[in-house]
Amino acid sequence: MPTRYQQLRQAIVHLGQSAEEQHAYLERQLGHLAQDGDASGYGNHELGLEFDDIFAATRHMQEWGEITAAEIAAAKPLDDMLGLLWDESNQAFWRRGALWSDPRWEQVRECARRVLKDYPDEVRPSDWLSSLI
């Protein structure tokens, strides 16, 4: 099972990938939900939700030494950018075809790639789960 740091880093990787790679990832994740195996109708929400879900834990991760304040700050612009896109007026952004046609996706990708430079590909174990037992 990946650590929380690895989950966060992987969510950033997915947001920085090309439209084709993002589409393929979403199909792998969601294809089983569609009768015909084409999960395009499920849109792109999963890309944002994965990041949002794990980014919400970064303060706790910092307390346990899994991430630094500088790394959190590096990812904050990505969090802010996605946060602005969650409202009703941006529904088209979350449709699958927008990966190719909406220029905001390229802005998200560029931001994610910048953030990723501050996130080394490494394992950062934590004792926080064992503390719950």
N, C-alpha and C. Protein backbone atom coordinates (compact mmCIF):
# COMPACT_ATOMS: atom_id res chain seq x y z
N MET A 1 0.84 -1.17 0.00
CA MET A 1 0.00 0.00 0.00
C MET A 1 0.90 1.25 0.00
N PRO A 2 0.63 2.18 -0.88
CA PRO A 2 1.46 3.37 -0.93
C PRO A 2 1.25 4.24 0.31
N THR A 3 2.31 4.94 0.70
CA THR A 3 2.21 5.87 1.82
C THR A 3 1.37 7.07 1.39
N ARG A 4 1.00 7.89 2.36
CA ARG A 4 0.22 9.08 2.02
C ARG A 4 1.04 10.02 1.14
N TYR A 5 2.32 10.14 1.41
CA TYR A 5 3.17 10.97 0.55
C TYR A 5 3.14 10.45 -0.88
N GLN A 6 3.27 9.15 -1.04
CA GLN A 6 3.24 8.56 -2.38
C GLN A 6 1.89 8.78 -3.05
N GLN A 7 0.81 8.70 -2.29
CA GLN A 7 -0.52 8.96 -2.85
C GLN A 7 -0.63 10.40 -3.34
N LEU A 8 -0.12 11.34 -2.54
CA LEU A 8 -0.15 12.74 -2.94
C LEU A 8 0.69 12.96 -4.19
N ARG A 9 1.88 12.41 -4.18
CA ARG A 9 2.77 12.57 -5.34
C ARG A 9 2.13 11.98 -6.58
N GLN A 10 1.52 10.81 -6.45
CA GLN A 10 0.90 10.17 -7.61
C GLN A 10 -0.29 10.98 -8.13
N ALA A 11 -1.05 11.59 -7.24
CA ALA A 11 -2.16 12.44 -7.67
C ALA A 11 -1.63 13.63 -8.47
N ILE A 12 -0.50 14.18 -8.04
CA ILE A 12 0.13 15.29 -8.77
C ILE A 12 0.63 14.80 -10.12
N VAL A 13 1.22 13.62 -10.15
CA VAL A 13 1.67 13.03 -11.42
C VAL A 13 0.51 12.94 -12.39
N HIS A 14 -0.62 12.41 -11.93
CA HIS A 14 -1.79 12.25 -12.81
C HIS A 14 -2.28 13.59 -13.34
N LEU A 15 -2.24 14.62 -12.51
CA LEU A 15 -2.69 15.94 -12.96
C LEU A 15 -1.72 16.55 -13.96
N GLY A 16 -0.48 16.12 -13.95
CA GLY A 16 0.52 16.65 -14.87
C GLY A 16 0.67 15.89 -16.17
N GLN A 17 -0.02 14.77 -16.29
CA GLN A 17 0.11 13.95 -17.49
C GLN A 17 -0.61 14.56 -18.68
N SER A 18 -0.29 14.05 -19.85
CA SER A 18 -0.95 14.50 -21.08
C SER A 18 -2.42 14.08 -21.05
N ALA A 19 -3.21 14.69 -21.91
CA ALA A 19 -4.64 14.34 -21.99
C ALA A 19 -4.82 12.86 -22.29
N GLU A 20 -4.00 12.31 -23.17
CA GLU A 20 -4.11 10.89 -23.51
C GLU A 20 -3.81 10.01 -22.30
N GLU A 21 -2.77 10.37 -21.55
CA GLU A 21 -2.43 9.59 -20.36
C GLU A 21 -3.51 9.72 -19.28
N GLN A 22 -4.04 10.91 -19.12
CA GLN A 22 -5.11 11.11 -18.14
C GLN A 22 -6.34 10.30 -18.53
N HIS A 23 -6.70 10.34 -19.79
CA HIS A 23 -7.84 9.57 -20.27
C HIS A 23 -7.63 8.07 -20.01
N ALA A 24 -6.45 7.56 -20.36
CA ALA A 24 -6.16 6.14 -20.15
C ALA A 24 -6.23 5.78 -18.66
N TYR A 25 -5.71 6.65 -17.82
CA TYR A 25 -5.76 6.41 -16.38
C TYR A 25 -7.21 6.36 -15.89
N LEU A 26 -8.00 7.32 -16.32
CA LEU A 26 -9.41 7.36 -15.90
C LEU A 26 -10.16 6.13 -16.39
N GLU A 27 -9.86 5.67 -17.58
CA GLU A 27 -10.51 4.46 -18.08
C GLU A 27 -10.12 3.24 -17.23
N ARG A 28 -8.85 3.16 -16.82
CA ARG A 28 -8.43 2.05 -15.96
C ARG A 28 -9.14 2.11 -14.61
N GLN A 29 -9.30 3.31 -14.09
CA GLN A 29 -9.91 3.48 -12.77
C GLN A 29 -11.43 3.29 -12.80
N LEU A 30 -12.07 3.74 -13.86
CA LEU A 30 -13.53 3.83 -13.87
C LEU A 30 -14.21 2.91 -14.90
N GLY A 31 -13.44 2.31 -15.77
CA GLY A 31 -14.01 1.50 -16.85
C GLY A 31 -14.94 0.41 -16.37
N HIS A 32 -14.66 -0.16 -15.22
CA HIS A 32 -15.50 -1.24 -14.69
C HIS A 32 -16.90 -0.75 -14.31
N LEU A 33 -17.07 0.56 -14.18
CA LEU A 33 -18.37 1.11 -13.81
C LEU A 33 -19.32 1.24 -15.00
N ALA A 34 -18.77 1.21 -16.19
CA ALA A 34 -19.58 1.38 -17.40
C ALA A 34 -19.85 0.02 -18.03
N GLN A 35 -21.09 -0.22 -18.44
CA GLN A 35 -21.44 -1.50 -19.02
C GLN A 35 -20.61 -1.82 -20.25
N ASP A 36 -20.33 -0.82 -21.07
CA ASP A 36 -19.56 -1.05 -22.28
C ASP A 36 -18.07 -0.83 -22.08
N GLY A 37 -17.64 -0.54 -20.84
CA GLY A 37 -16.23 -0.35 -20.55
C GLY A 37 -15.71 1.04 -20.87
N ASP A 38 -16.55 1.90 -21.45
CA ASP A 38 -16.15 3.26 -21.77
C ASP A 38 -16.63 4.18 -20.66
N ALA A 39 -15.69 4.65 -19.86
CA ALA A 39 -16.04 5.46 -18.69
C ALA A 39 -15.97 6.96 -18.97
N SER A 40 -15.96 7.34 -20.23
CA SER A 40 -15.87 8.76 -20.58
C SER A 40 -17.00 9.57 -19.96
N GLY A 41 -18.15 8.97 -19.81
CA GLY A 41 -19.30 9.66 -19.23
C GLY A 41 -19.10 10.05 -17.77
N TYR A 42 -18.11 9.46 -17.13
CA TYR A 42 -17.82 9.79 -15.74
C TYR A 42 -16.95 11.04 -15.61
N GLY A 43 -16.53 11.59 -16.72
CA GLY A 43 -15.79 12.84 -16.69
C GLY A 43 -14.40 12.71 -16.12
N ASN A 44 -13.92 13.84 -15.60
CA ASN A 44 -12.54 13.94 -15.12
C ASN A 44 -12.45 14.20 -13.63
N HIS A 45 -13.57 14.19 -12.95
CA HIS A 45 -13.60 14.54 -11.53
C HIS A 45 -12.57 13.76 -10.71
N GLU A 46 -12.38 12.51 -11.08
CA GLU A 46 -11.50 11.66 -10.29
C GLU A 46 -10.10 12.24 -10.17
N LEU A 47 -9.62 12.90 -11.21
CA LEU A 47 -8.28 13.50 -11.16
C LEU A 47 -8.21 14.56 -10.06
N GLY A 48 -9.20 15.41 -10.00
CA GLY A 48 -9.23 16.44 -8.97
C GLY A 48 -9.53 15.89 -7.59
N LEU A 49 -10.44 14.92 -7.53
CA LEU A 49 -10.82 14.36 -6.23
C LEU A 49 -9.66 13.63 -5.56
N GLU A 50 -8.88 12.90 -6.34
CA GLU A 50 -7.73 12.19 -5.76
C GLU A 50 -6.78 13.18 -5.09
N PHE A 51 -6.50 14.26 -5.80
CA PHE A 51 -5.61 15.27 -5.23
C PHE A 51 -6.25 15.92 -4.01
N ASP A 52 -7.49 16.33 -4.15
CA ASP A 52 -8.18 17.03 -3.07
C ASP A 52 -8.24 16.17 -1.81
N ASP A 53 -8.57 14.90 -1.97
CA ASP A 53 -8.70 14.01 -0.81
C ASP A 53 -7.40 13.90 -0.02
N ILE A 54 -6.28 13.73 -0.72
CA ILE A 54 -5.02 13.53 -0.01
C ILE A 54 -4.39 14.85 0.39
N PHE A 55 -4.59 15.91 -0.38
CA PHE A 55 -4.03 17.20 0.01
C PHE A 55 -4.65 17.68 1.32
N ALA A 56 -5.88 17.31 1.56
CA ALA A 56 -6.56 17.68 2.80
C ALA A 56 -5.84 17.12 4.03
N ALA A 57 -5.04 16.08 3.85
CA ALA A 57 -4.34 15.45 4.97
C ALA A 57 -2.92 16.00 5.16
N THR A 58 -2.51 16.99 4.39
CA THR A 58 -1.11 17.41 4.44
C THR A 58 -0.68 17.98 5.79
N ARG A 59 -1.56 18.68 6.48
CA ARG A 59 -1.18 19.21 7.81
C ARG A 59 -0.90 18.06 8.78
N HIS A 60 -1.74 17.06 8.72
CA HIS A 60 -1.52 15.87 9.56
C HIS A 60 -0.25 15.15 9.13
N MET A 61 -0.03 15.07 7.83
CA MET A 61 1.19 14.44 7.32
C MET A 61 2.42 15.20 7.82
N GLN A 62 2.34 16.51 7.86
CA GLN A 62 3.46 17.32 8.35
C GLN A 62 3.73 17.03 9.82
N GLU A 63 2.68 16.89 10.61
CA GLU A 63 2.83 16.58 12.03
C GLU A 63 3.59 15.28 12.24
N TRP A 64 3.41 14.34 11.32
CA TRP A 64 4.04 13.04 11.43
C TRP A 64 5.34 12.93 10.63
N GLY A 65 5.80 14.04 10.10
CA GLY A 65 7.08 14.06 9.41
C GLY A 65 7.08 13.44 8.02
N GLU A 66 5.90 13.32 7.43
CA GLU A 66 5.80 12.71 6.10
C GLU A 66 6.01 13.72 4.98
N ILE A 67 5.86 15.01 5.29
CA ILE A 67 5.94 16.05 4.29
C ILE A 67 6.42 17.33 4.98
N THR A 68 7.04 18.20 4.22
CA THR A 68 7.54 19.45 4.80
C THR A 68 6.57 20.60 4.51
N ALA A 69 6.73 21.66 5.27
CA ALA A 69 5.92 22.86 5.03
C ALA A 69 6.20 23.41 3.63
N ALA A 70 7.45 23.32 3.19
CA ALA A 70 7.80 23.81 1.85
C ALA A 70 7.09 22.98 0.77
N GLU A 71 6.95 21.70 0.98
CA GLU A 71 6.25 20.86 0.00
C GLU A 71 4.77 21.17 -0.03
N ILE A 72 4.21 21.41 1.13
CA ILE A 72 2.80 21.81 1.17
C ILE A 72 2.61 23.12 0.43
N ALA A 73 3.47 24.07 0.71
CA ALA A 73 3.39 25.38 0.05
C ALA A 73 3.56 25.25 -1.46
N ALA A 74 4.42 24.35 -1.90
CA ALA A 74 4.63 24.15 -3.33
C ALA A 74 3.37 23.65 -4.02
N ALA A 75 2.57 22.84 -3.33
CA ALA A 75 1.36 22.27 -3.91
C ALA A 75 0.14 23.17 -3.74
N LYS A 76 0.24 24.18 -2.92
CA LYS A 76 -0.91 25.06 -2.65
C LYS A 76 -1.45 25.73 -3.91
N PRO A 77 -0.61 26.22 -4.84
CA PRO A 77 -1.16 26.81 -6.07
C PRO A 77 -2.01 25.83 -6.87
N LEU A 78 -1.63 24.56 -6.87
CA LEU A 78 -2.42 23.54 -7.57
C LEU A 78 -3.75 23.36 -6.86
N ASP A 79 -3.72 23.29 -5.55
CA ASP A 79 -4.95 23.18 -4.76
C ASP A 79 -5.85 24.38 -5.00
N ASP A 80 -5.27 25.57 -5.01
CA ASP A 80 -6.05 26.79 -5.25
C ASP A 80 -6.67 26.78 -6.65
N MET A 81 -5.89 26.37 -7.64
CA MET A 81 -6.39 26.34 -9.01
C MET A 81 -7.57 25.39 -9.15
N LEU A 82 -7.42 24.20 -8.61
CA LEU A 82 -8.52 23.23 -8.69
C LEU A 82 -9.72 23.69 -7.87
N GLY A 83 -9.47 24.32 -6.75
CA GLY A 83 -10.55 24.81 -5.90
C GLY A 83 -11.46 25.79 -6.63
N LEU A 84 -10.88 26.60 -7.49
CA LEU A 84 -11.66 27.57 -8.26
C LEU A 84 -12.52 26.90 -9.33
N LEU A 85 -12.19 25.67 -9.68
CA LEU A 85 -12.88 24.99 -10.77
C LEU A 85 -14.01 24.07 -10.32
N TRP A 86 -14.24 23.98 -9.02
CA TRP A 86 -15.26 23.05 -8.51
C TRP A 86 -16.68 23.60 -8.57
N ASP A 87 -16.88 24.86 -8.86
CA ASP A 87 -18.24 25.40 -8.79
C ASP A 87 -19.06 25.06 -10.04
N GLU A 88 -20.34 25.31 -9.95
CA GLU A 88 -21.31 24.98 -11.01
C GLU A 88 -20.95 25.58 -12.37
N SER A 89 -20.34 26.75 -12.37
CA SER A 89 -20.05 27.41 -13.64
C SER A 89 -18.94 26.73 -14.44
N ASN A 90 -18.29 25.75 -13.85
CA ASN A 90 -17.18 25.07 -14.52
C ASN A 90 -17.47 23.61 -14.84
N GLN A 91 -18.73 23.26 -14.98
CA GLN A 91 -19.08 21.86 -15.26
C GLN A 91 -18.41 21.33 -16.52
N ALA A 92 -18.30 22.16 -17.54
CA ALA A 92 -17.70 21.72 -18.80
C ALA A 92 -16.24 21.31 -18.62
N PHE A 93 -15.56 21.93 -17.68
CA PHE A 93 -14.16 21.60 -17.41
C PHE A 93 -13.99 20.14 -16.99
N TRP A 94 -15.00 19.60 -16.32
CA TRP A 94 -14.92 18.26 -15.77
C TRP A 94 -15.46 17.19 -16.71
N ARG A 95 -15.83 17.56 -17.92
CA ARG A 95 -16.22 16.56 -18.93
C ARG A 95 -14.98 16.01 -19.61
N ARG A 96 -15.02 14.77 -20.00
CA ARG A 96 -13.83 14.10 -20.52
C ARG A 96 -13.21 14.82 -21.70
N GLY A 97 -14.01 15.27 -22.63
CA GLY A 97 -13.47 15.95 -23.81
C GLY A 97 -12.68 17.20 -23.49
N ALA A 98 -12.93 17.79 -22.33
CA ALA A 98 -12.22 19.00 -21.94
C ALA A 98 -10.73 18.76 -21.74
N LEU A 99 -10.35 17.51 -21.49
CA LEU A 99 -8.93 17.22 -21.34
C LEU A 99 -8.13 17.69 -22.56
N TRP A 100 -8.77 17.63 -23.72
CA TRP A 100 -8.12 18.03 -24.97
C TRP A 100 -8.46 19.45 -25.39
N SER A 101 -9.66 19.89 -25.07
CA SER A 101 -10.14 21.15 -25.65
C SER A 101 -10.12 22.36 -24.73
N ASP A 102 -10.09 22.17 -23.42
CA ASP A 102 -10.15 23.30 -22.50
C ASP A 102 -8.73 23.71 -22.12
N PRO A 103 -8.33 24.93 -22.46
CA PRO A 103 -6.95 25.38 -22.17
C PRO A 103 -6.63 25.40 -20.68
N ARG A 104 -7.64 25.39 -19.83
CA ARG A 104 -7.38 25.36 -18.40
C ARG A 104 -6.74 24.04 -17.98
N TRP A 105 -7.02 22.97 -18.74
CA TRP A 105 -6.36 21.70 -18.41
C TRP A 105 -4.86 21.79 -18.63
N GLU A 106 -4.45 22.51 -19.64
CA GLU A 106 -3.01 22.67 -19.85
C GLU A 106 -2.41 23.51 -18.72
N GLN A 107 -3.15 24.47 -18.21
CA GLN A 107 -2.67 25.26 -17.07
C GLN A 107 -2.53 24.37 -15.83
N VAL A 108 -3.50 23.49 -15.62
CA VAL A 108 -3.42 22.55 -14.49
C VAL A 108 -2.21 21.64 -14.67
N ARG A 109 -2.01 21.13 -15.88
CA ARG A 109 -0.87 20.23 -16.14
C ARG A 109 0.45 20.95 -15.88
N GLU A 110 0.58 22.16 -16.37
CA GLU A 110 1.82 22.91 -16.17
C GLU A 110 2.06 23.17 -14.69
N CYS A 111 1.03 23.53 -13.97
CA CYS A 111 1.15 23.77 -12.53
C CYS A 111 1.57 22.48 -11.83
N ALA A 112 0.94 21.37 -12.16
CA ALA A 112 1.27 20.08 -11.54
C ALA A 112 2.71 19.69 -11.83
N ARG A 113 3.17 19.92 -13.03
CA ARG A 113 4.57 19.60 -13.37
C ARG A 113 5.55 20.45 -12.58
N ARG A 114 5.21 21.71 -12.35
CA ARG A 114 6.07 22.57 -11.51
C ARG A 114 6.10 22.04 -10.08
N VAL A 115 4.93 21.68 -9.57
CA VAL A 115 4.84 21.16 -8.20
C VAL A 115 5.65 19.88 -8.08
N LEU A 116 5.56 19.03 -9.05
CA LEU A 116 6.22 17.72 -9.00
C LEU A 116 7.73 17.85 -8.84
N LYS A 117 8.30 18.93 -9.30
CA LYS A 117 9.75 19.14 -9.15
C LYS A 117 10.16 19.20 -7.68
N ASP A 118 9.22 19.55 -6.81
CA ASP A 118 9.50 19.63 -5.37
C ASP A 118 9.11 18.36 -4.62
N TYR A 119 8.70 17.35 -5.35
CA TYR A 119 8.25 16.10 -4.73
C TYR A 119 9.09 14.92 -5.23
N PRO A 120 10.18 14.60 -4.52
CA PRO A 120 11.01 13.48 -4.96
C PRO A 120 10.24 12.16 -4.90
N ASP A 121 10.58 11.28 -5.80
CA ASP A 121 9.95 9.96 -5.87
C ASP A 121 10.63 9.07 -4.83
N GLU A 122 10.06 9.03 -3.64
CA GLU A 122 10.65 8.27 -2.55
C GLU A 122 9.55 7.80 -1.59
N VAL A 123 9.89 6.83 -0.79
CA VAL A 123 8.98 6.32 0.22
C VAL A 123 9.26 7.07 1.52
N ARG A 124 8.20 7.53 2.14
CA ARG A 124 8.33 8.21 3.44
C ARG A 124 7.40 7.54 4.43
N PRO A 125 7.89 6.53 5.09
CA PRO A 125 7.04 5.82 6.04
C PRO A 125 6.66 6.71 7.23
N SER A 126 5.57 6.36 7.84
CA SER A 126 5.09 7.09 9.01
C SER A 126 4.50 6.11 10.00
N ASP A 127 4.56 6.48 11.24
CA ASP A 127 4.00 5.64 12.29
C ASP A 127 2.58 6.03 12.66
N TRP A 128 1.98 6.94 11.91
CA TRP A 128 0.67 7.44 12.32
C TRP A 128 -0.40 6.36 12.34
N LEU A 129 -0.37 5.40 11.42
CA LEU A 129 -1.37 4.33 11.44
C LEU A 129 -1.19 3.44 12.67
N SER A 130 0.04 3.10 12.99
CA SER A 130 0.26 2.24 14.16
C SER A 130 -0.12 2.96 15.46
N SER A 131 -0.12 4.27 15.44
CA SER A 131 -0.50 5.01 16.65
C SER A 131 -2.00 4.91 16.94
N LEU A 132 -2.77 4.50 15.94
CA LEU A 132 -4.21 4.38 16.11
C LEU A 132 -4.63 3.08 16.75
N ILE A 133 -3.72 2.14 16.77
CA ILE A 133 -4.03 0.80 17.28
C ILE A 133 -3.83 0.72 18.77
